[in-house]
Each structure stands twice: as structure tokens, then as C-alpha cells.
Amino acid sequence: MKRNLIAVLLIGVLLVIGWRYVDPNRLLADVYYVKVPNAEVATKISDGYRYDLIGYDADGKKRPLTITSSSLLAEGDYLKVFVKEEDPEVTDYERVSDLEVPQQLREEQDDTSESSFP
């Protein structure tokens, strides 16, 4: 009896401690990558800014995404975004280096960012 009680308490403590370090916004979420465009793309909303962007997964598959932020995001930054199911709203994001981004995203963003001189 005493052994079972200790085992149950130990499992409970491990679950509580483990849950503290698990981010529910990232748990079971799909990962996509986006490049933040210029500030003109951002839409001002009541609690910050909204970006409607196209995200790329590791296989280069595209998907429309919506990112909300309390402040403007830095232009040209690459973000790793986490999305649940078919909802286009991003649950969490973090800044990443361009080396972590799928090649297709870098190629397409470089093509659109080049300007031609007359």
C-alpha cells in the first residue's frame, strides 16, 4: 500500500513539473516558416497588429496564416510559427535564422524582394 502511494505521488509530481515546461500552444501544432514583410502589410487592430502571410512547411507546402502581435515585427525576419489543425491563426512564433527556413521560402522571398532598375 505504501509503495503504491509513493508511486502515485511520484507520477503526480512528475506530471505537474513536466506540464510546467510544456507549452500548450506548441503541443501537437504544425510548424511553418514565414518571412516578415514590410510594415505596410500589417493591419492595425485594437490590441496590436495583424499580418496575413503565406507560410511554408519543411516540405515546401504553402498555407495562408494569420499572425497577431502586440507590436510591429521586424521587417525581413524569418519566423517559425506554430499552427493548430486547419485554423489559420498562429498560436505561437519564434524568430529563427535563415538557415533553418525551407529553401523554397528563401528562393521565393529573394525573387520578390529584388528590385529592377530602369
C-alpha atoms as a PDB file:
ATOM      1  CA  MET A   1       0.000   0.000   0.000  1.00  0.00           C
ATOM      2  CA  LYS A   2       2.761   2.398   0.971  1.00  0.00           C
ATOM      3  CA  ARG A   3       4.700   1.566  -2.195  1.00  0.00           C
ATOM      4  CA  ASN A   4       1.648   2.274  -4.394  1.00  0.00           C
ATOM      5  CA  LEU A   5       1.044   5.606  -2.679  1.00  0.00           C
ATOM      6  CA  ILE A   6       4.658   6.669  -3.239  1.00  0.00           C
ATOM      7  CA  ALA A   7       4.456   5.618  -6.903  1.00  0.00           C
ATOM      8  CA  VAL A   8       1.237   7.590  -7.451  1.00  0.00           C
ATOM      9  CA  LEU A   9       2.679  10.676  -5.738  1.00  0.00           C
ATOM     10  CA  LEU A  10       5.894  10.431  -7.750  1.00  0.00           C
ATOM     11  CA  ILE A  11       3.963  10.179 -11.031  1.00  0.00           C
ATOM     12  CA  GLY A  12       1.786  13.130  -9.989  1.00  0.00           C
ATOM     13  CA  VAL A  13       4.800  15.284  -9.169  1.00  0.00           C
ATOM     14  CA  LEU A  14       6.457  14.387 -12.487  1.00  0.00           C
ATOM     15  CA  LEU A  15       3.292  15.298 -14.400  1.00  0.00           C
ATOM     16  CA  VAL A  16       2.970  18.657 -12.632  1.00  0.00           C
ATOM     17  CA  ILE A  17       6.640  19.518 -13.172  1.00  0.00           C
ATOM     18  CA  GLY A  18       6.522  18.315 -16.794  1.00  0.00           C
ATOM     19  CA  TRP A  19       3.379  20.325 -17.552  1.00  0.00           C
ATOM     20  CA  ARG A  20       5.123  23.470 -16.325  1.00  0.00           C
ATOM     21  CA  TYR A  21       7.684  23.155 -19.137  1.00  0.00           C
ATOM     22  CA  VAL A  22       5.275  22.107 -21.892  1.00  0.00           C
ATOM     23  CA  ASP A  23       3.869  24.951 -23.962  1.00  0.00           C
ATOM     24  CA  PRO A  24       0.261  24.058 -24.882  1.00  0.00           C
ATOM     25  CA  ASN A  25       0.396  26.493 -27.826  1.00  0.00           C
ATOM     26  CA  ARG A  26       3.153  24.393 -29.406  1.00  0.00           C
ATOM     27  CA  LEU A  27       1.940  20.966 -28.343  1.00  0.00           C
ATOM     28  CA  LEU A  28       0.712  18.955 -31.365  1.00  0.00           C
ATOM     29  CA  ALA A  29       0.978  22.045 -33.590  1.00  0.00           C
ATOM     30  CA  ASP A  30       2.098  22.109 -37.221  1.00  0.00           C
ATOM     31  CA  VAL A  31       5.298  24.078 -37.889  1.00  0.00           C
ATOM     32  CA  TYR A  32       5.521  26.614 -40.719  1.00  0.00           C
ATOM     33  CA  TYR A  33       8.001  29.316 -41.642  1.00  0.00           C
ATOM     34  CA  VAL A  34       7.302  32.860 -42.822  1.00  0.00           C
ATOM     35  CA  LYS A  35       9.308  35.947 -43.699  1.00  0.00           C
ATOM     36  CA  VAL A  36       8.042  39.197 -42.192  1.00  0.00           C
ATOM     37  CA  PRO A  37       7.338  41.719 -44.967  1.00  0.00           C
ATOM     38  CA  ASN A  38       7.457  45.492 -44.576  1.00  0.00           C
ATOM     39  CA  ALA A  39       5.253  47.261 -42.042  1.00  0.00           C
ATOM     40  CA  GLU A  40       2.792  48.355 -44.758  1.00  0.00           C
ATOM     41  CA  VAL A  41       1.422  44.790 -44.854  1.00  0.00           C
ATOM     42  CA  ALA A  42       0.436  44.903 -41.170  1.00  0.00           C
ATOM     43  CA  THR A  43      -3.153  45.770 -40.337  1.00  0.00           C
ATOM     44  CA  LYS A  44      -3.730  47.807 -37.176  1.00  0.00           C
ATOM     45  CA  ILE A  45      -6.196  46.098 -34.826  1.00  0.00           C
ATOM     46  CA  SER A  46      -7.408  47.034 -31.348  1.00  0.00           C
ATOM     47  CA  ASP A  47      -4.710  45.138 -29.443  1.00  0.00           C
ATOM     48  CA  GLY A  48      -1.771  45.331 -31.881  1.00  0.00           C
ATOM     49  CA  TYR A  49      -1.105  44.331 -35.476  1.00  0.00           C
ATOM     50  CA  ARG A  50      -2.262  41.545 -37.774  1.00  0.00           C
ATOM     51  CA  TYR A  51      -0.261  40.014 -40.599  1.00  0.00           C
ATOM     52  CA  ASP A  52      -1.838  37.822 -43.283  1.00  0.00           C
ATOM     53  CA  LEU A  53       1.046  35.823 -44.740  1.00  0.00           C
ATOM     54  CA  ILE A  54       1.861  32.642 -46.625  1.00  0.00           C
ATOM     55  CA  GLY A  55       3.692  30.015 -44.561  1.00  0.00           C
ATOM     56  CA  TYR A  56       5.854  27.150 -45.795  1.00  0.00           C
ATOM     57  CA  ASP A  57       6.316  23.823 -44.025  1.00  0.00           C
ATOM     58  CA  ALA A  58       9.524  21.747 -44.142  1.00  0.00           C
ATOM     59  CA  ASP A  59       8.353  20.111 -47.388  1.00  0.00           C
ATOM     60  CA  GLY A  60       7.726  23.472 -49.086  1.00  0.00           C
ATOM     61  CA  LYS A  61       3.922  23.209 -48.885  1.00  0.00           C
ATOM     62  CA  LYS A  62       2.218  26.641 -48.734  1.00  0.00           C
ATOM     63  CA  ARG A  63      -0.562  27.699 -46.400  1.00  0.00           C
ATOM     64  CA  PRO A  64      -2.204  31.064 -45.593  1.00  0.00           C
ATOM     65  CA  LEU A  65      -1.550  32.136 -42.000  1.00  0.00           C
ATOM     66  CA  THR A  66      -2.565  34.991 -39.715  1.00  0.00           C
ATOM     67  CA  ILE A  67      -0.142  36.323 -37.104  1.00  0.00           C
ATOM     68  CA  THR A  68      -1.197  38.801 -34.442  1.00  0.00           C
ATOM     69  CA  SER A  69       1.379  40.742 -32.459  1.00  0.00           C
ATOM     70  CA  SER A  70       1.239  43.479 -29.857  1.00  0.00           C
ATOM     71  CA  SER A  71       3.950  45.401 -31.749  1.00  0.00           C
ATOM     72  CA  LEU A  72       5.276  45.592 -35.286  1.00  0.00           C
ATOM     73  CA  LEU A  73       7.521  42.691 -36.267  1.00  0.00           C
ATOM     74  CA  ALA A  74      10.999  43.401 -37.622  1.00  0.00           C
ATOM     75  CA  GLU A  75      10.992  43.540 -41.414  1.00  0.00           C
ATOM     76  CA  GLY A  76      12.917  40.704 -43.066  1.00  0.00           C
ATOM     77  CA  ASP A  77      12.949  38.400 -40.030  1.00  0.00           C
ATOM     78  CA  TYR A  78      12.184  34.738 -40.538  1.00  0.00           C
ATOM     79  CA  LEU A  79       9.695  33.263 -38.073  1.00  0.00           C
ATOM     80  CA  LYS A  80       8.960  29.696 -37.100  1.00  0.00           C
ATOM     81  CA  VAL A  81       5.226  29.643 -36.448  1.00  0.00           C
ATOM     82  CA  PHE A  82       3.036  27.058 -34.745  1.00  0.00           C
ATOM     83  CA  VAL A  83      -0.485  26.408 -36.037  1.00  0.00           C
ATOM     84  CA  LYS A  84      -3.171  24.064 -34.715  1.00  0.00           C
ATOM     85  CA  GLU A  85      -5.247  21.981 -37.135  1.00  0.00           C
ATOM     86  CA  GLU A  86      -6.904  23.885 -40.000  1.00  0.00           C
ATOM     87  CA  ASP A  87      -7.161  27.182 -38.115  1.00  0.00           C
ATOM     88  CA  PRO A  88      -5.130  29.861 -39.946  1.00  0.00           C
ATOM     89  CA  GLU A  89      -4.452  31.711 -36.668  1.00  0.00           C
ATOM     90  CA  VAL A  90      -0.898  31.216 -35.404  1.00  0.00           C
ATOM     91  CA  THR A  91      -0.768  30.094 -31.753  1.00  0.00           C
ATOM     92  CA  ASP A  92       2.912  30.933 -31.168  1.00  0.00           C
ATOM     93  CA  TYR A  93       6.014  32.007 -33.072  1.00  0.00           C
ATOM     94  CA  GLU A  94       9.737  32.488 -32.628  1.00  0.00           C
ATOM     95  CA  ARG A  95      12.473  34.181 -34.650  1.00  0.00           C
ATOM     96  CA  VAL A  96      14.861  31.811 -36.469  1.00  0.00           C
ATOM     97  CA  SER A  97      17.916  32.186 -38.693  1.00  0.00           C
ATOM     98  CA  ASP A  98      17.557  31.960 -42.451  1.00  0.00           C
ATOM     99  CA  LEU A  99      19.468  28.645 -42.405  1.00  0.00           C
ATOM    100  CA  GLU A 100      16.544  26.943 -40.630  1.00  0.00           C
ATOM    101  CA  VAL A 101      13.999  28.082 -43.225  1.00  0.00           C
ATOM    102  CA  PRO A 102      12.959  25.834 -46.150  1.00  0.00           C
ATOM    103  CA  GLN A 103      14.879  26.589 -49.350  1.00  0.00           C
ATOM    104  CA  GLN A 104      11.677  27.309 -51.309  1.00  0.00           C
ATOM    105  CA  LEU A 105      10.725  30.167 -48.952  1.00  0.00           C
ATOM    106  CA  ARG A 106      14.170  31.773 -49.250  1.00  0.00           C
ATOM    107  CA  GLU A 107      14.131  31.490 -53.047  1.00  0.00           C
ATOM    108  CA  GLU A 108      10.631  32.922 -53.467  1.00  0.00           C
ATOM    109  CA  GLN A 109      11.234  35.757 -50.986  1.00  0.00           C
ATOM    110  CA  ASP A 110      14.525  36.667 -52.651  1.00  0.00           C
ATOM    111  CA  ASP A 111      12.799  36.786 -56.060  1.00  0.00           C
ATOM    112  CA  THR A 112      10.106  39.170 -54.830  1.00  0.00           C
ATOM    113  CA  SER A 113      12.458  41.399 -52.824  1.00  0.00           C
ATOM    114  CA  GLU A 114      14.819  42.173 -55.720  1.00  0.00           C
ATOM    115  CA  SER A 115      14.075  45.442 -57.401  1.00  0.00           C
ATOM    116  CA  SER A 116      14.838  46.138 -61.013  1.00  0.00           C
ATOM    117  CA  PHE A 117      16.403  49.392 -62.053  1.00  0.00           C
ATOM    118  CA  PRO A 118      15.085  51.202 -65.129  1.00  0.00           C
END
